[in-house]
């Protein structure tokens, strides 16, 4: 689970640095889809699927905001 959260955060950070909100929406949907399929294959309980999906979405969105802030700071310093 930790590896999945780190990967989702890296995706969000990269999107925040280079791309904007439409790409974040698509990335969030991909993260949710991959997580649901993976957790279903692993036969995890529904509550575990919801919890892990929520963690991954929060990690992606939070890292996006960090990447966006870094992008703004770097853009203003030029």
N, C-alpha and C. Protein backbone atom coordinates (compact mmCIF):
# COMPACT_ATOMS: atom_id res chain seq x y z
N UNK A 1 0.82 -1.19 0.00
CA UNK A 1 0.00 0.00 0.00
C UNK A 1 0.87 1.25 0.00
N UNK A 2 1.97 1.21 0.72
CA UNK A 2 2.85 2.37 0.76
C UNK A 2 3.41 2.68 -0.62
N UNK A 3 3.78 1.64 -1.35
CA UNK A 3 4.31 1.83 -2.70
C UNK A 3 3.25 2.47 -3.60
N UNK A 4 2.00 2.06 -3.47
CA UNK A 4 0.92 2.63 -4.27
C UNK A 4 0.70 4.10 -3.93
N UNK A 5 0.79 4.45 -2.66
CA UNK A 5 0.62 5.84 -2.26
C UNK A 5 1.76 6.70 -2.79
N UNK A 6 2.98 6.18 -2.73
CA UNK A 6 4.13 6.93 -3.25
C UNK A 6 4.00 7.12 -4.76
N UNK A 7 3.58 6.09 -5.46
CA UNK A 7 3.39 6.20 -6.92
C UNK A 7 2.29 7.21 -7.26
N UNK A 8 1.19 7.16 -6.54
CA UNK A 8 0.11 8.10 -6.79
C UNK A 8 0.56 9.54 -6.49
N UNK A 9 1.35 9.71 -5.44
CA UNK A 9 1.86 11.05 -5.12
C UNK A 9 2.83 11.54 -6.20
N UNK A 10 3.65 10.66 -6.71
CA UNK A 10 4.59 11.06 -7.78
C UNK A 10 3.83 11.46 -9.04
N UNK A 11 2.77 10.74 -9.36
CA UNK A 11 1.95 11.10 -10.51
C UNK A 11 1.32 12.47 -10.29
N UNK A 12 0.77 12.70 -9.11
CA UNK A 12 0.16 14.00 -8.82
C UNK A 12 1.17 15.13 -8.85
N UNK A 13 2.36 14.90 -8.34
CA UNK A 13 3.41 15.92 -8.35
C UNK A 13 3.82 16.25 -9.77
N UNK A 14 4.01 15.25 -10.60
CA UNK A 14 4.40 15.48 -11.99
C UNK A 14 3.32 16.24 -12.75
N UNK A 15 2.08 15.91 -12.50
CA UNK A 15 0.99 16.62 -13.17
C UNK A 15 0.93 18.06 -12.69
N UNK A 16 1.15 18.28 -11.41
CA UNK A 16 1.13 19.63 -10.87
C UNK A 16 2.24 20.50 -11.43
N UNK A 17 3.39 19.90 -11.69
CA UNK A 17 4.52 20.66 -12.23
C UNK A 17 4.35 21.00 -13.70
N UNK A 18 3.78 20.11 -14.49
CA UNK A 18 3.75 20.29 -15.93
C UNK A 18 2.36 20.50 -16.52
N UNK A 19 1.36 19.83 -16.00
CA UNK A 19 0.04 19.85 -16.62
C UNK A 19 -0.96 20.55 -15.70
N UNK A 20 -2.20 20.56 -16.09
CA UNK A 20 -3.21 21.24 -15.30
C UNK A 20 -4.37 20.31 -14.95
N UNK A 21 -5.48 20.86 -14.51
CA UNK A 21 -6.58 20.12 -13.90
C UNK A 21 -7.20 19.02 -14.77
N UNK A 22 -7.39 19.21 -16.08
CA UNK A 22 -7.98 18.09 -16.84
C UNK A 22 -7.13 16.81 -16.79
N UNK A 23 -5.84 16.95 -16.78
CA UNK A 23 -4.97 15.78 -16.67
C UNK A 23 -5.09 15.16 -15.28
N UNK A 24 -5.30 15.98 -14.27
CA UNK A 24 -5.47 15.47 -12.91
C UNK A 24 -6.74 14.64 -12.80
N UNK A 25 -7.79 15.07 -13.45
CA UNK A 25 -9.05 14.32 -13.42
C UNK A 25 -8.87 12.95 -14.04
N UNK A 26 -8.20 12.91 -15.19
CA UNK A 26 -7.96 11.63 -15.85
C UNK A 26 -7.06 10.74 -14.99
N UNK A 27 -6.01 11.32 -14.42
CA UNK A 27 -5.09 10.54 -13.58
C UNK A 27 -5.80 9.99 -12.35
N UNK A 28 -6.67 10.77 -11.77
CA UNK A 28 -7.43 10.32 -10.60
C UNK A 28 -8.34 9.15 -10.97
N UNK A 29 -8.99 9.25 -12.12
CA UNK A 29 -9.85 8.15 -12.56
C UNK A 29 -9.04 6.88 -12.84
N UNK A 30 -7.85 7.04 -13.39
CA UNK A 30 -6.98 5.88 -13.65
C UNK A 30 -6.53 5.26 -12.33
N UNK A 31 -6.14 6.09 -11.37
CA UNK A 31 -5.71 5.58 -10.06
C UNK A 31 -6.85 4.84 -9.38
N UNK A 32 -8.05 5.39 -9.42
CA UNK A 32 -9.20 4.74 -8.81
C UNK A 32 -9.50 3.42 -9.51
N UNK A 33 -9.50 3.43 -10.83
CA UNK A 33 -9.79 2.20 -11.58
C UNK A 33 -8.79 1.10 -11.32
N UNK A 34 -7.51 1.44 -11.37
CA UNK A 34 -6.47 0.44 -11.13
C UNK A 34 -6.56 -0.10 -9.70
N UNK A 35 -6.82 0.77 -8.75
CA UNK A 35 -6.92 0.33 -7.36
C UNK A 35 -8.11 -0.60 -7.15
N UNK A 36 -9.25 -0.25 -7.71
CA UNK A 36 -10.44 -1.08 -7.53
C UNK A 36 -10.23 -2.45 -8.17
N UNK A 37 -9.68 -2.47 -9.37
CA UNK A 37 -9.44 -3.75 -10.03
C UNK A 37 -8.42 -4.60 -9.24
N UNK A 38 -7.34 -3.97 -8.82
CA UNK A 38 -6.32 -4.70 -8.06
C UNK A 38 -6.87 -5.24 -6.75
N UNK A 39 -7.59 -4.41 -6.02
CA UNK A 39 -8.14 -4.86 -4.74
C UNK A 39 -9.22 -5.93 -4.93
N UNK A 40 -9.95 -5.86 -6.03
CA UNK A 40 -10.96 -6.88 -6.31
C UNK A 40 -10.29 -8.21 -6.64
N UNK A 41 -9.23 -8.16 -7.43
CA UNK A 41 -8.50 -9.39 -7.74
C UNK A 41 -7.90 -10.01 -6.47
N UNK A 42 -7.44 -9.16 -5.57
CA UNK A 42 -6.90 -9.65 -4.30
C UNK A 42 -7.98 -10.07 -3.31
N UNK A 43 -9.25 -9.88 -3.68
CA UNK A 43 -10.41 -10.25 -2.89
C UNK A 43 -10.42 -9.58 -1.51
N UNK A 44 -10.12 -8.31 -1.50
CA UNK A 44 -10.17 -7.55 -0.26
C UNK A 44 -11.62 -7.16 0.05
N UNK A 45 -11.95 -6.95 1.30
CA UNK A 45 -13.30 -6.53 1.66
C UNK A 45 -13.60 -5.13 1.10
N UNK A 46 -14.89 -4.86 0.94
CA UNK A 46 -15.32 -3.59 0.35
C UNK A 46 -14.81 -2.39 1.16
N UNK A 47 -14.82 -2.49 2.46
CA UNK A 47 -14.36 -1.37 3.29
C UNK A 47 -12.88 -1.08 3.05
N UNK A 48 -12.09 -2.12 2.83
CA UNK A 48 -10.66 -1.96 2.54
C UNK A 48 -10.46 -1.32 1.17
N UNK A 49 -11.29 -1.68 0.21
CA UNK A 49 -11.20 -1.08 -1.13
C UNK A 49 -11.50 0.40 -1.06
N UNK A 50 -12.54 0.76 -0.34
CA UNK A 50 -12.92 2.18 -0.21
C UNK A 50 -11.83 2.96 0.51
N UNK A 51 -11.29 2.40 1.57
CA UNK A 51 -10.25 3.08 2.34
C UNK A 51 -8.98 3.29 1.52
N UNK A 52 -8.54 2.27 0.83
CA UNK A 52 -7.31 2.40 0.05
C UNK A 52 -7.52 3.34 -1.13
N UNK A 53 -8.69 3.32 -1.74
CA UNK A 53 -8.99 4.24 -2.84
C UNK A 53 -8.98 5.68 -2.34
N UNK A 54 -9.56 5.92 -1.18
CA UNK A 54 -9.57 7.26 -0.61
C UNK A 54 -8.15 7.74 -0.32
N UNK A 55 -7.32 6.88 0.24
CA UNK A 55 -5.92 7.25 0.50
C UNK A 55 -5.19 7.63 -0.78
N UNK A 56 -5.39 6.84 -1.83
CA UNK A 56 -4.70 7.12 -3.09
C UNK A 56 -5.18 8.41 -3.75
N UNK A 57 -6.48 8.67 -3.67
CA UNK A 57 -7.01 9.90 -4.25
C UNK A 57 -6.50 11.11 -3.48
N UNK A 58 -6.47 11.03 -2.16
CA UNK A 58 -5.96 12.13 -1.35
C UNK A 58 -4.47 12.36 -1.62
N UNK A 59 -3.71 11.29 -1.77
CA UNK A 59 -2.29 11.43 -2.08
C UNK A 59 -2.08 12.08 -3.44
N UNK A 60 -2.86 11.67 -4.42
CA UNK A 60 -2.74 12.25 -5.77
C UNK A 60 -3.12 13.73 -5.76
N UNK A 61 -4.22 14.07 -5.13
CA UNK A 61 -4.68 15.45 -5.11
C UNK A 61 -3.75 16.34 -4.30
N UNK A 62 -3.29 15.85 -3.16
CA UNK A 62 -2.37 16.63 -2.33
C UNK A 62 -1.05 16.88 -3.02
N UNK A 63 -0.51 15.86 -3.66
CA UNK A 63 0.75 16.03 -4.38
C UNK A 63 0.58 16.95 -5.57
N UNK A 64 -0.60 16.93 -6.19
CA UNK A 64 -0.87 17.86 -7.28
C UNK A 64 -0.80 19.30 -6.78
N UNK A 65 -1.39 19.55 -5.63
CA UNK A 65 -1.35 20.91 -5.07
C UNK A 65 0.08 21.33 -4.74
N UNK A 66 0.88 20.42 -4.23
CA UNK A 66 2.29 20.72 -3.95
C UNK A 66 3.02 21.01 -5.25
N UNK A 67 2.79 20.20 -6.28
CA UNK A 67 3.43 20.43 -7.58
C UNK A 67 2.99 21.73 -8.20
N UNK A 68 1.73 22.07 -8.05
CA UNK A 68 1.22 23.34 -8.59
C UNK A 68 1.86 24.52 -7.87
N UNK A 69 2.00 24.42 -6.56
CA UNK A 69 2.65 25.49 -5.80
C UNK A 69 4.12 25.63 -6.20
N UNK A 70 4.80 24.51 -6.35
CA UNK A 70 6.19 24.55 -6.80
C UNK A 70 6.31 25.15 -8.20
N UNK A 71 5.39 24.82 -9.05
CA UNK A 71 5.39 25.36 -10.40
C UNK A 71 5.22 26.87 -10.38
N UNK A 72 4.33 27.35 -9.54
CA UNK A 72 4.12 28.80 -9.44
C UNK A 72 5.34 29.50 -8.87
N UNK A 73 5.96 28.92 -7.87
CA UNK A 73 7.16 29.51 -7.26
C UNK A 73 8.30 29.55 -8.27
N UNK A 74 8.49 28.47 -9.00
CA UNK A 74 9.56 28.41 -9.99
C UNK A 74 9.29 29.36 -11.15
N UNK A 75 8.04 29.52 -11.52
CA UNK A 75 7.68 30.42 -12.61
C UNK A 75 7.88 31.89 -12.22
N UNK A 76 7.60 32.22 -10.97
CA UNK A 76 7.76 33.60 -10.51
C UNK A 76 9.22 33.98 -10.31
N UNK A 77 10.09 33.01 -10.09
CA UNK A 77 11.50 33.30 -9.89
C UNK A 77 12.25 33.57 -11.19
N UNK A 78 11.64 33.25 -12.33
CA UNK A 78 12.31 33.46 -13.60
C UNK A 78 12.25 34.91 -14.05
